[in-house]
Amino acid sequence: MGQRIDVPILGLARLLEAIDEFGSRRGRDPYTRELLGFLRMWGYGEDLLLLAWDLGLVDRYDDYCEPVSRRLCRFNKLSDLGREFLRR
């Protein structure tokens, strides 16, 4: 018999909704620090984000935090699979 993997469906849904809401409010994808602050959950939120990335629900990419900044941030956006997950 295989091992049962518990996936926090409600937590993933909240994370994906937050990414979508942030994008619609600000017109851009949130970087990780912004997203975790927006959710107000740092440790658990980061674990959820990495799980969503492993499951293919979120795409992550590196870019400058602000156009005039030299600091790089890791941005998060919904993948097509993540959008499908939210629709259901």
N, C-alpha and C. Protein backbone atom coordinates (compact mmCIF):
# COMPACT_ATOMS: atom_id res chain seq x y z
N MET A 1 0.83 -1.18 0.00
CA MET A 1 0.00 0.00 0.00
C MET A 1 0.88 1.25 0.00
N GLY A 2 0.43 2.27 -0.70
CA GLY A 2 1.17 3.51 -0.76
C GLY A 2 0.90 4.37 0.45
N GLN A 3 1.79 5.31 0.65
CA GLN A 3 1.61 6.23 1.76
C GLN A 3 0.59 7.30 1.39
N ARG A 4 -0.16 7.72 2.35
CA ARG A 4 -1.14 8.78 2.15
C ARG A 4 -0.47 10.13 2.36
N ILE A 5 -0.65 11.01 1.42
CA ILE A 5 -0.08 12.35 1.52
C ILE A 5 -1.20 13.32 1.82
N ASP A 6 -1.09 14.04 2.92
CA ASP A 6 -2.09 15.04 3.28
C ASP A 6 -1.73 16.37 2.65
N VAL A 7 -2.60 16.85 1.79
CA VAL A 7 -2.39 18.14 1.13
C VAL A 7 -3.40 19.12 1.72
N PRO A 8 -2.92 20.24 2.25
CA PRO A 8 -3.82 21.24 2.84
C PRO A 8 -4.55 22.02 1.76
N ILE A 9 -5.67 21.50 1.29
CA ILE A 9 -6.42 22.07 0.18
C ILE A 9 -6.86 23.51 0.48
N LEU A 10 -7.40 23.75 1.67
CA LEU A 10 -7.87 25.11 1.99
C LEU A 10 -6.72 26.10 2.06
N GLY A 11 -5.58 25.67 2.60
CA GLY A 11 -4.42 26.56 2.65
C GLY A 11 -3.90 26.89 1.26
N LEU A 12 -3.87 25.88 0.38
CA LEU A 12 -3.43 26.12 -0.99
C LEU A 12 -4.41 27.06 -1.71
N ALA A 13 -5.69 26.86 -1.49
CA ALA A 13 -6.68 27.72 -2.12
C ALA A 13 -6.51 29.16 -1.65
N ARG A 14 -6.28 29.35 -0.37
CA ARG A 14 -6.08 30.71 0.17
C ARG A 14 -4.83 31.36 -0.42
N LEU A 15 -3.76 30.59 -0.55
CA LEU A 15 -2.52 31.09 -1.13
C LEU A 15 -2.74 31.51 -2.58
N LEU A 16 -3.37 30.67 -3.37
CA LEU A 16 -3.59 30.97 -4.78
C LEU A 16 -4.53 32.17 -4.95
N GLU A 17 -5.55 32.25 -4.11
CA GLU A 17 -6.45 33.41 -4.16
C GLU A 17 -5.71 34.69 -3.81
N ALA A 18 -4.78 34.61 -2.86
CA ALA A 18 -4.00 35.79 -2.47
C ALA A 18 -3.10 36.26 -3.62
N ILE A 19 -2.49 35.32 -4.32
CA ILE A 19 -1.65 35.68 -5.47
C ILE A 19 -2.50 36.35 -6.54
N ASP A 20 -3.67 35.78 -6.81
CA ASP A 20 -4.56 36.34 -7.82
C ASP A 20 -5.08 37.71 -7.40
N GLU A 21 -5.47 37.87 -6.14
CA GLU A 21 -5.98 39.15 -5.64
C GLU A 21 -4.90 40.22 -5.66
N PHE A 22 -3.68 39.85 -5.25
CA PHE A 22 -2.58 40.81 -5.25
C PHE A 22 -2.32 41.31 -6.66
N GLY A 23 -2.32 40.38 -7.61
CA GLY A 23 -2.09 40.76 -9.00
C GLY A 23 -3.16 41.68 -9.55
N SER A 24 -4.40 41.44 -9.18
CA SER A 24 -5.47 42.30 -9.68
C SER A 24 -5.44 43.67 -9.00
N ARG A 25 -5.01 43.75 -7.75
CA ARG A 25 -4.94 45.03 -7.04
C ARG A 25 -3.75 45.88 -7.50
N ARG A 26 -2.59 45.24 -7.61
CA ARG A 26 -1.36 45.99 -7.89
C ARG A 26 -0.94 45.97 -9.35
N GLY A 27 -1.50 45.07 -10.15
CA GLY A 27 -1.14 45.02 -11.57
C GLY A 27 0.17 44.30 -11.84
N ARG A 28 0.67 43.56 -10.88
CA ARG A 28 1.90 42.79 -11.07
C ARG A 28 1.88 41.61 -10.12
N ASP A 29 2.81 40.69 -10.33
CA ASP A 29 2.91 39.52 -9.47
C ASP A 29 3.60 39.90 -8.16
N PRO A 30 3.22 39.26 -7.05
CA PRO A 30 3.88 39.56 -5.77
C PRO A 30 5.21 38.81 -5.65
N TYR A 31 6.19 39.46 -5.03
CA TYR A 31 7.38 38.69 -4.70
C TYR A 31 7.14 38.05 -3.33
N THR A 32 7.96 37.09 -2.99
CA THR A 32 7.68 36.21 -1.87
C THR A 32 7.46 36.96 -0.56
N ARG A 33 8.29 37.93 -0.23
CA ARG A 33 8.12 38.67 1.02
C ARG A 33 6.79 39.42 1.05
N GLU A 34 6.42 40.03 -0.07
CA GLU A 34 5.14 40.72 -0.13
C GLU A 34 3.98 39.75 0.06
N LEU A 35 4.07 38.62 -0.62
CA LEU A 35 3.00 37.63 -0.55
C LEU A 35 2.81 37.10 0.87
N LEU A 36 3.90 36.76 1.52
CA LEU A 36 3.81 36.22 2.89
C LEU A 36 3.32 37.29 3.86
N GLY A 37 3.70 38.53 3.65
CA GLY A 37 3.18 39.62 4.48
C GLY A 37 1.70 39.87 4.22
N PHE A 38 1.29 39.76 2.96
CA PHE A 38 -0.11 39.92 2.58
C PHE A 38 -0.96 38.84 3.24
N LEU A 39 -0.44 37.62 3.30
CA LEU A 39 -1.15 36.51 3.92
C LEU A 39 -1.07 36.54 5.44
N ARG A 40 -0.06 37.24 5.97
CA ARG A 40 0.23 37.29 7.40
C ARG A 40 0.54 35.91 7.97
N MET A 41 1.28 35.11 7.20
CA MET A 41 1.75 33.82 7.70
C MET A 41 3.09 33.52 7.04
N TRP A 42 4.12 33.52 7.87
CA TRP A 42 5.47 33.41 7.33
C TRP A 42 5.93 31.96 7.21
N GLY A 43 6.04 31.22 8.27
CA GLY A 43 6.57 29.85 8.20
C GLY A 43 5.66 28.92 7.43
N TYR A 44 4.40 28.86 7.83
CA TYR A 44 3.44 27.98 7.17
C TYR A 44 3.18 28.44 5.74
N GLY A 45 3.15 29.74 5.52
CA GLY A 45 2.93 30.28 4.18
C GLY A 45 4.04 29.92 3.23
N GLU A 46 5.28 29.94 3.73
CA GLU A 46 6.40 29.56 2.87
C GLU A 46 6.34 28.08 2.52
N ASP A 47 5.97 27.25 3.50
CA ASP A 47 5.80 25.82 3.22
C ASP A 47 4.70 25.59 2.18
N LEU A 48 3.59 26.32 2.31
CA LEU A 48 2.51 26.21 1.32
C LEU A 48 2.96 26.65 -0.06
N LEU A 49 3.73 27.72 -0.12
CA LEU A 49 4.21 28.23 -1.39
C LEU A 49 5.11 27.21 -2.07
N LEU A 50 6.00 26.60 -1.32
CA LEU A 50 6.89 25.59 -1.90
C LEU A 50 6.11 24.35 -2.33
N LEU A 51 5.08 23.97 -1.57
CA LEU A 51 4.23 22.85 -1.97
C LEU A 51 3.48 23.18 -3.26
N ALA A 52 2.93 24.38 -3.35
CA ALA A 52 2.22 24.80 -4.56
C ALA A 52 3.16 24.80 -5.76
N TRP A 53 4.40 25.19 -5.55
CA TRP A 53 5.40 25.19 -6.62
C TRP A 53 5.71 23.76 -7.03
N ASP A 54 5.89 22.87 -6.06
CA ASP A 54 6.15 21.45 -6.37
C ASP A 54 4.99 20.81 -7.12
N LEU A 55 3.77 21.22 -6.81
CA LEU A 55 2.59 20.66 -7.47
C LEU A 55 2.31 21.30 -8.83
N GLY A 56 3.05 22.36 -9.16
CA GLY A 56 2.88 23.02 -10.45
C GLY A 56 1.76 24.04 -10.46
N LEU A 57 1.30 24.47 -9.30
CA LEU A 57 0.22 25.44 -9.21
C LEU A 57 0.72 26.88 -9.32
N VAL A 58 2.01 27.08 -9.02
CA VAL A 58 2.62 28.41 -9.01
C VAL A 58 3.91 28.35 -9.81
N ASP A 59 4.13 29.38 -10.62
CA ASP A 59 5.40 29.56 -11.31
C ASP A 59 6.18 30.64 -10.57
N ARG A 60 7.49 30.44 -10.46
CA ARG A 60 8.33 31.42 -9.76
C ARG A 60 9.43 31.88 -10.69
N TYR A 61 9.77 33.17 -10.61
CA TYR A 61 10.83 33.72 -11.44
C TYR A 61 11.53 34.84 -10.68
N ASP A 62 12.76 35.12 -11.05
CA ASP A 62 13.55 36.18 -10.42
C ASP A 62 13.56 37.41 -11.31
N ASP A 63 13.43 38.56 -10.67
CA ASP A 63 13.47 39.84 -11.37
C ASP A 63 13.81 40.92 -10.34
N TYR A 64 14.05 42.12 -10.81
CA TYR A 64 14.32 43.23 -9.89
C TYR A 64 13.05 43.59 -9.12
N CYS A 65 13.21 43.86 -7.84
CA CYS A 65 12.07 44.19 -6.98
C CYS A 65 11.35 45.42 -7.48
N GLU A 66 12.10 46.43 -7.86
CA GLU A 66 11.54 47.67 -8.40
C GLU A 66 12.39 48.06 -9.60
N PRO A 67 11.83 48.80 -10.53
CA PRO A 67 12.59 49.14 -11.75
C PRO A 67 13.93 49.84 -11.49
N VAL A 68 14.02 50.65 -10.45
CA VAL A 68 15.27 51.38 -10.20
C VAL A 68 16.14 50.67 -9.16
N SER A 69 15.75 49.51 -8.70
CA SER A 69 16.47 48.78 -7.66
C SER A 69 17.45 47.79 -8.28
N ARG A 70 18.51 47.48 -7.54
CA ARG A 70 19.43 46.44 -7.97
C ARG A 70 19.20 45.16 -7.18
N ARG A 71 18.21 45.17 -6.31
CA ARG A 71 17.89 44.00 -5.49
C ARG A 71 16.99 43.05 -6.28
N LEU A 72 17.36 41.77 -6.29
CA LEU A 72 16.56 40.76 -6.97
C LEU A 72 15.57 40.14 -6.00
N CYS A 73 14.38 39.88 -6.50
CA CYS A 73 13.33 39.22 -5.71
C CYS A 73 12.80 38.04 -6.50
N ARG A 74 12.24 37.09 -5.79
CA ARG A 74 11.60 35.94 -6.44
C ARG A 74 10.10 36.20 -6.48
N PHE A 75 9.58 36.35 -7.69
CA PHE A 75 8.17 36.63 -7.90
C PHE A 75 7.39 35.34 -8.06
N ASN A 76 6.09 35.39 -7.75
CA ASN A 76 5.22 34.22 -7.81
C ASN A 76 4.00 34.57 -8.64
N LYS A 77 3.65 33.67 -9.56
CA LYS A 77 2.44 33.88 -10.35
C LYS A 77 1.72 32.56 -10.52
N LEU A 78 0.43 32.63 -10.74
CA LEU A 78 -0.37 31.43 -10.93
C LEU A 78 -0.02 30.78 -12.26
N SER A 79 0.13 29.46 -12.24
CA SER A 79 0.29 28.73 -13.49
C SER A 79 -1.09 28.42 -14.05
N ASP A 80 -1.14 27.85 -15.23
CA ASP A 80 -2.43 27.46 -15.81
C ASP A 80 -3.12 26.43 -14.93
N LEU A 81 -2.34 25.52 -14.36
CA LEU A 81 -2.90 24.51 -13.46
C LEU A 81 -3.45 25.16 -12.19
N GLY A 82 -2.77 26.21 -11.70
CA GLY A 82 -3.23 26.93 -10.52
C GLY A 82 -4.54 27.66 -10.78
N ARG A 83 -4.67 28.24 -11.98
CA ARG A 83 -5.93 28.90 -12.35
C ARG A 83 -7.07 27.87 -12.43
N GLU A 84 -6.77 26.71 -12.98
CA GLU A 84 -7.77 25.65 -13.07
C GLU A 84 -8.18 25.19 -11.67
N PHE A 85 -7.21 25.09 -10.76
CA PHE A 85 -7.48 24.70 -9.38
C PHE A 85 -8.45 25.69 -8.72
N LEU A 86 -8.24 26.99 -8.97
CA LEU A 86 -9.11 28.01 -8.37
C LEU A 86 -10.52 27.99 -8.96
N ARG A 87 -10.63 27.64 -10.24
CA ARG A 87 -11.95 27.61 -10.86
C ARG A 87 -12.82 26.51 -10.30
N ARG A 88 -12.24 25.44 -9.80
CA ARG A 88 -13.02 24.30 -9.31
C ARG A 88 -13.35 24.44 -7.90
